[in-house]
Amino acid sequence: AWTRSAAVRPGRERNDLALRAVGSRLVFSVNGAEVASVDDATLGEGRIGVFVGGDTNQSLLEPLTVETLD
């Protein structure tokens, strides 16, 4: 379920989003603050993508950085 977070800057202010995937664990951060984490063992290797949804939302994705940890 969606949950409000004080880490999200409102309006047209910039928000930095990060997702870390380590094994089956996903950790989501907004502006350096962890806002959610989930463990999902059904996830496997795959591709990445970005989805933005909502009523009258406008989004700019700049830049997108993908890093792998070996």
C-alpha atoms as a PDB file:
ATOM      1  CA  ALA A   1       0.000   0.000   0.000  1.00  0.00           C
ATOM      2  CA  TRP A   2       1.093   3.588  -0.669  1.00  0.00           C
ATOM      3  CA  THR A   3       2.256   5.454   2.414  1.00  0.00           C
ATOM      4  CA  ARG A   4       3.089   9.144   2.794  1.00  0.00           C
ATOM      5  CA  SER A   5       6.676   9.946   3.736  1.00  0.00           C
ATOM      6  CA  ALA A   6       8.215  13.136   5.070  1.00  0.00           C
ATOM      7  CA  ALA A   7      11.268  12.266   2.935  1.00  0.00           C
ATOM      8  CA  VAL A   8       9.357  13.206  -0.255  1.00  0.00           C
ATOM      9  CA  ARG A   9       9.662  16.851  -1.257  1.00  0.00           C
ATOM     10  CA  PRO A  10       6.317  18.263  -2.432  1.00  0.00           C
ATOM     11  CA  GLY A  11       5.361  20.107  -5.590  1.00  0.00           C
ATOM     12  CA  ARG A  12       8.036  20.763  -8.184  1.00  0.00           C
ATOM     13  CA  GLU A  13      10.954  20.188  -5.834  1.00  0.00           C
ATOM     14  CA  ARG A  14      13.501  17.575  -6.915  1.00  0.00           C
ATOM     15  CA  ASN A  15      13.374  14.126  -5.298  1.00  0.00           C
ATOM     16  CA  ASP A  16      16.239  11.661  -5.576  1.00  0.00           C
ATOM     17  CA  LEU A  17      15.003   8.061  -5.699  1.00  0.00           C
ATOM     18  CA  ALA A  18      17.175   4.995  -5.170  1.00  0.00           C
ATOM     19  CA  LEU A  19      16.527   1.266  -5.220  1.00  0.00           C
ATOM     20  CA  ARG A  20      18.994  -1.337  -3.998  1.00  0.00           C
ATOM     21  CA  ALA A  21      18.440  -4.958  -4.928  1.00  0.00           C
ATOM     22  CA  VAL A  22      20.611  -7.422  -3.030  1.00  0.00           C
ATOM     23  CA  GLY A  23      19.574 -11.018  -3.484  1.00  0.00           C
ATOM     24  CA  SER A  24      15.849 -11.152  -2.731  1.00  0.00           C
ATOM     25  CA  ARG A  25      15.883  -7.896  -0.718  1.00  0.00           C
ATOM     26  CA  LEU A  26      14.703  -4.578  -2.228  1.00  0.00           C
ATOM     27  CA  VAL A  27      15.344  -1.321  -0.368  1.00  0.00           C
ATOM     28  CA  PHE A  28      13.748   1.936  -1.529  1.00  0.00           C
ATOM     29  CA  SER A  29      15.139   5.356  -0.539  1.00  0.00           C
ATOM     30  CA  VAL A  30      13.965   8.914  -1.197  1.00  0.00           C
ATOM     31  CA  ASN A  31      16.399  11.796  -0.735  1.00  0.00           C
ATOM     32  CA  GLY A  32      18.750   9.540   1.250  1.00  0.00           C
ATOM     33  CA  ALA A  33      16.082   8.255   3.671  1.00  0.00           C
ATOM     34  CA  GLU A  34      14.997   4.615   3.547  1.00  0.00           C
ATOM     35  CA  VAL A  35      11.233   4.595   3.017  1.00  0.00           C
ATOM     36  CA  ALA A  36      10.496   0.904   2.377  1.00  0.00           C
ATOM     37  CA  SER A  37      12.076  -2.515   2.145  1.00  0.00           C
ATOM     38  CA  VAL A  38      10.732  -5.878   1.099  1.00  0.00           C
ATOM     39  CA  ASP A  39      12.040  -9.414   0.791  1.00  0.00           C
ATOM     40  CA  ASP A  40      10.705 -11.275  -2.248  1.00  0.00           C
ATOM     41  CA  ALA A  41      12.336 -14.613  -3.021  1.00  0.00           C
ATOM     42  CA  THR A  42      10.248 -14.968  -6.217  1.00  0.00           C
ATOM     43  CA  LEU A  43      12.326 -12.279  -7.936  1.00  0.00           C
ATOM     44  CA  GLY A  44      15.060 -13.476 -10.237  1.00  0.00           C
ATOM     45  CA  GLU A  45      17.505 -11.830 -12.536  1.00  0.00           C
ATOM     46  CA  GLY A  46      15.984  -9.583 -15.149  1.00  0.00           C
ATOM     47  CA  ARG A  47      15.774  -6.104 -16.557  1.00  0.00           C
ATOM     48  CA  ILE A  48      14.958  -2.731 -15.076  1.00  0.00           C
ATOM     49  CA  GLY A  49      12.299  -0.202 -15.941  1.00  0.00           C
ATOM     50  CA  VAL A  50      10.606   2.892 -14.576  1.00  0.00           C
ATOM     51  CA  PHE A  51       6.852   3.316 -14.148  1.00  0.00           C
ATOM     52  CA  VAL A  52       5.204   6.554 -13.006  1.00  0.00           C
ATOM     53  CA  GLY A  53       1.479   6.561 -12.348  1.00  0.00           C
ATOM     54  CA  GLY A  54      -1.167   8.779 -10.869  1.00  0.00           C
ATOM     55  CA  ASP A  55      -3.650  11.445 -11.808  1.00  0.00           C
ATOM     56  CA  THR A  56      -2.128  14.521 -13.524  1.00  0.00           C
ATOM     57  CA  ASN A  57       1.427  13.642 -12.404  1.00  0.00           C
ATOM     58  CA  GLN A  58       4.345  15.054 -14.342  1.00  0.00           C
ATOM     59  CA  SER A  59       7.763  13.440 -14.043  1.00  0.00           C
ATOM     60  CA  LEU A  60      11.254  14.022 -15.342  1.00  0.00           C
ATOM     61  CA  LEU A  61      13.787  11.221 -15.083  1.00  0.00           C
ATOM     62  CA  GLU A  62      17.238  12.731 -15.023  1.00  0.00           C
ATOM     63  CA  PRO A  63      19.691  10.953 -14.869  1.00  0.00           C
ATOM     64  CA  LEU A  64      19.145   7.211 -14.596  1.00  0.00           C
ATOM     65  CA  THR A  65      22.160   5.400 -13.184  1.00  0.00           C
ATOM     66  CA  VAL A  66      22.418   1.622 -12.968  1.00  0.00           C
ATOM     67  CA  GLU A  67      25.309   0.031 -11.093  1.00  0.00           C
ATOM     68  CA  THR A  68      26.138  -3.599 -10.452  1.00  0.00           C
ATOM     69  CA  LEU A  69      28.030  -4.786  -7.419  1.00  0.00           C
ATOM     70  CA  ASP A  70      30.334  -7.710  -8.073  1.00  0.00           C
END
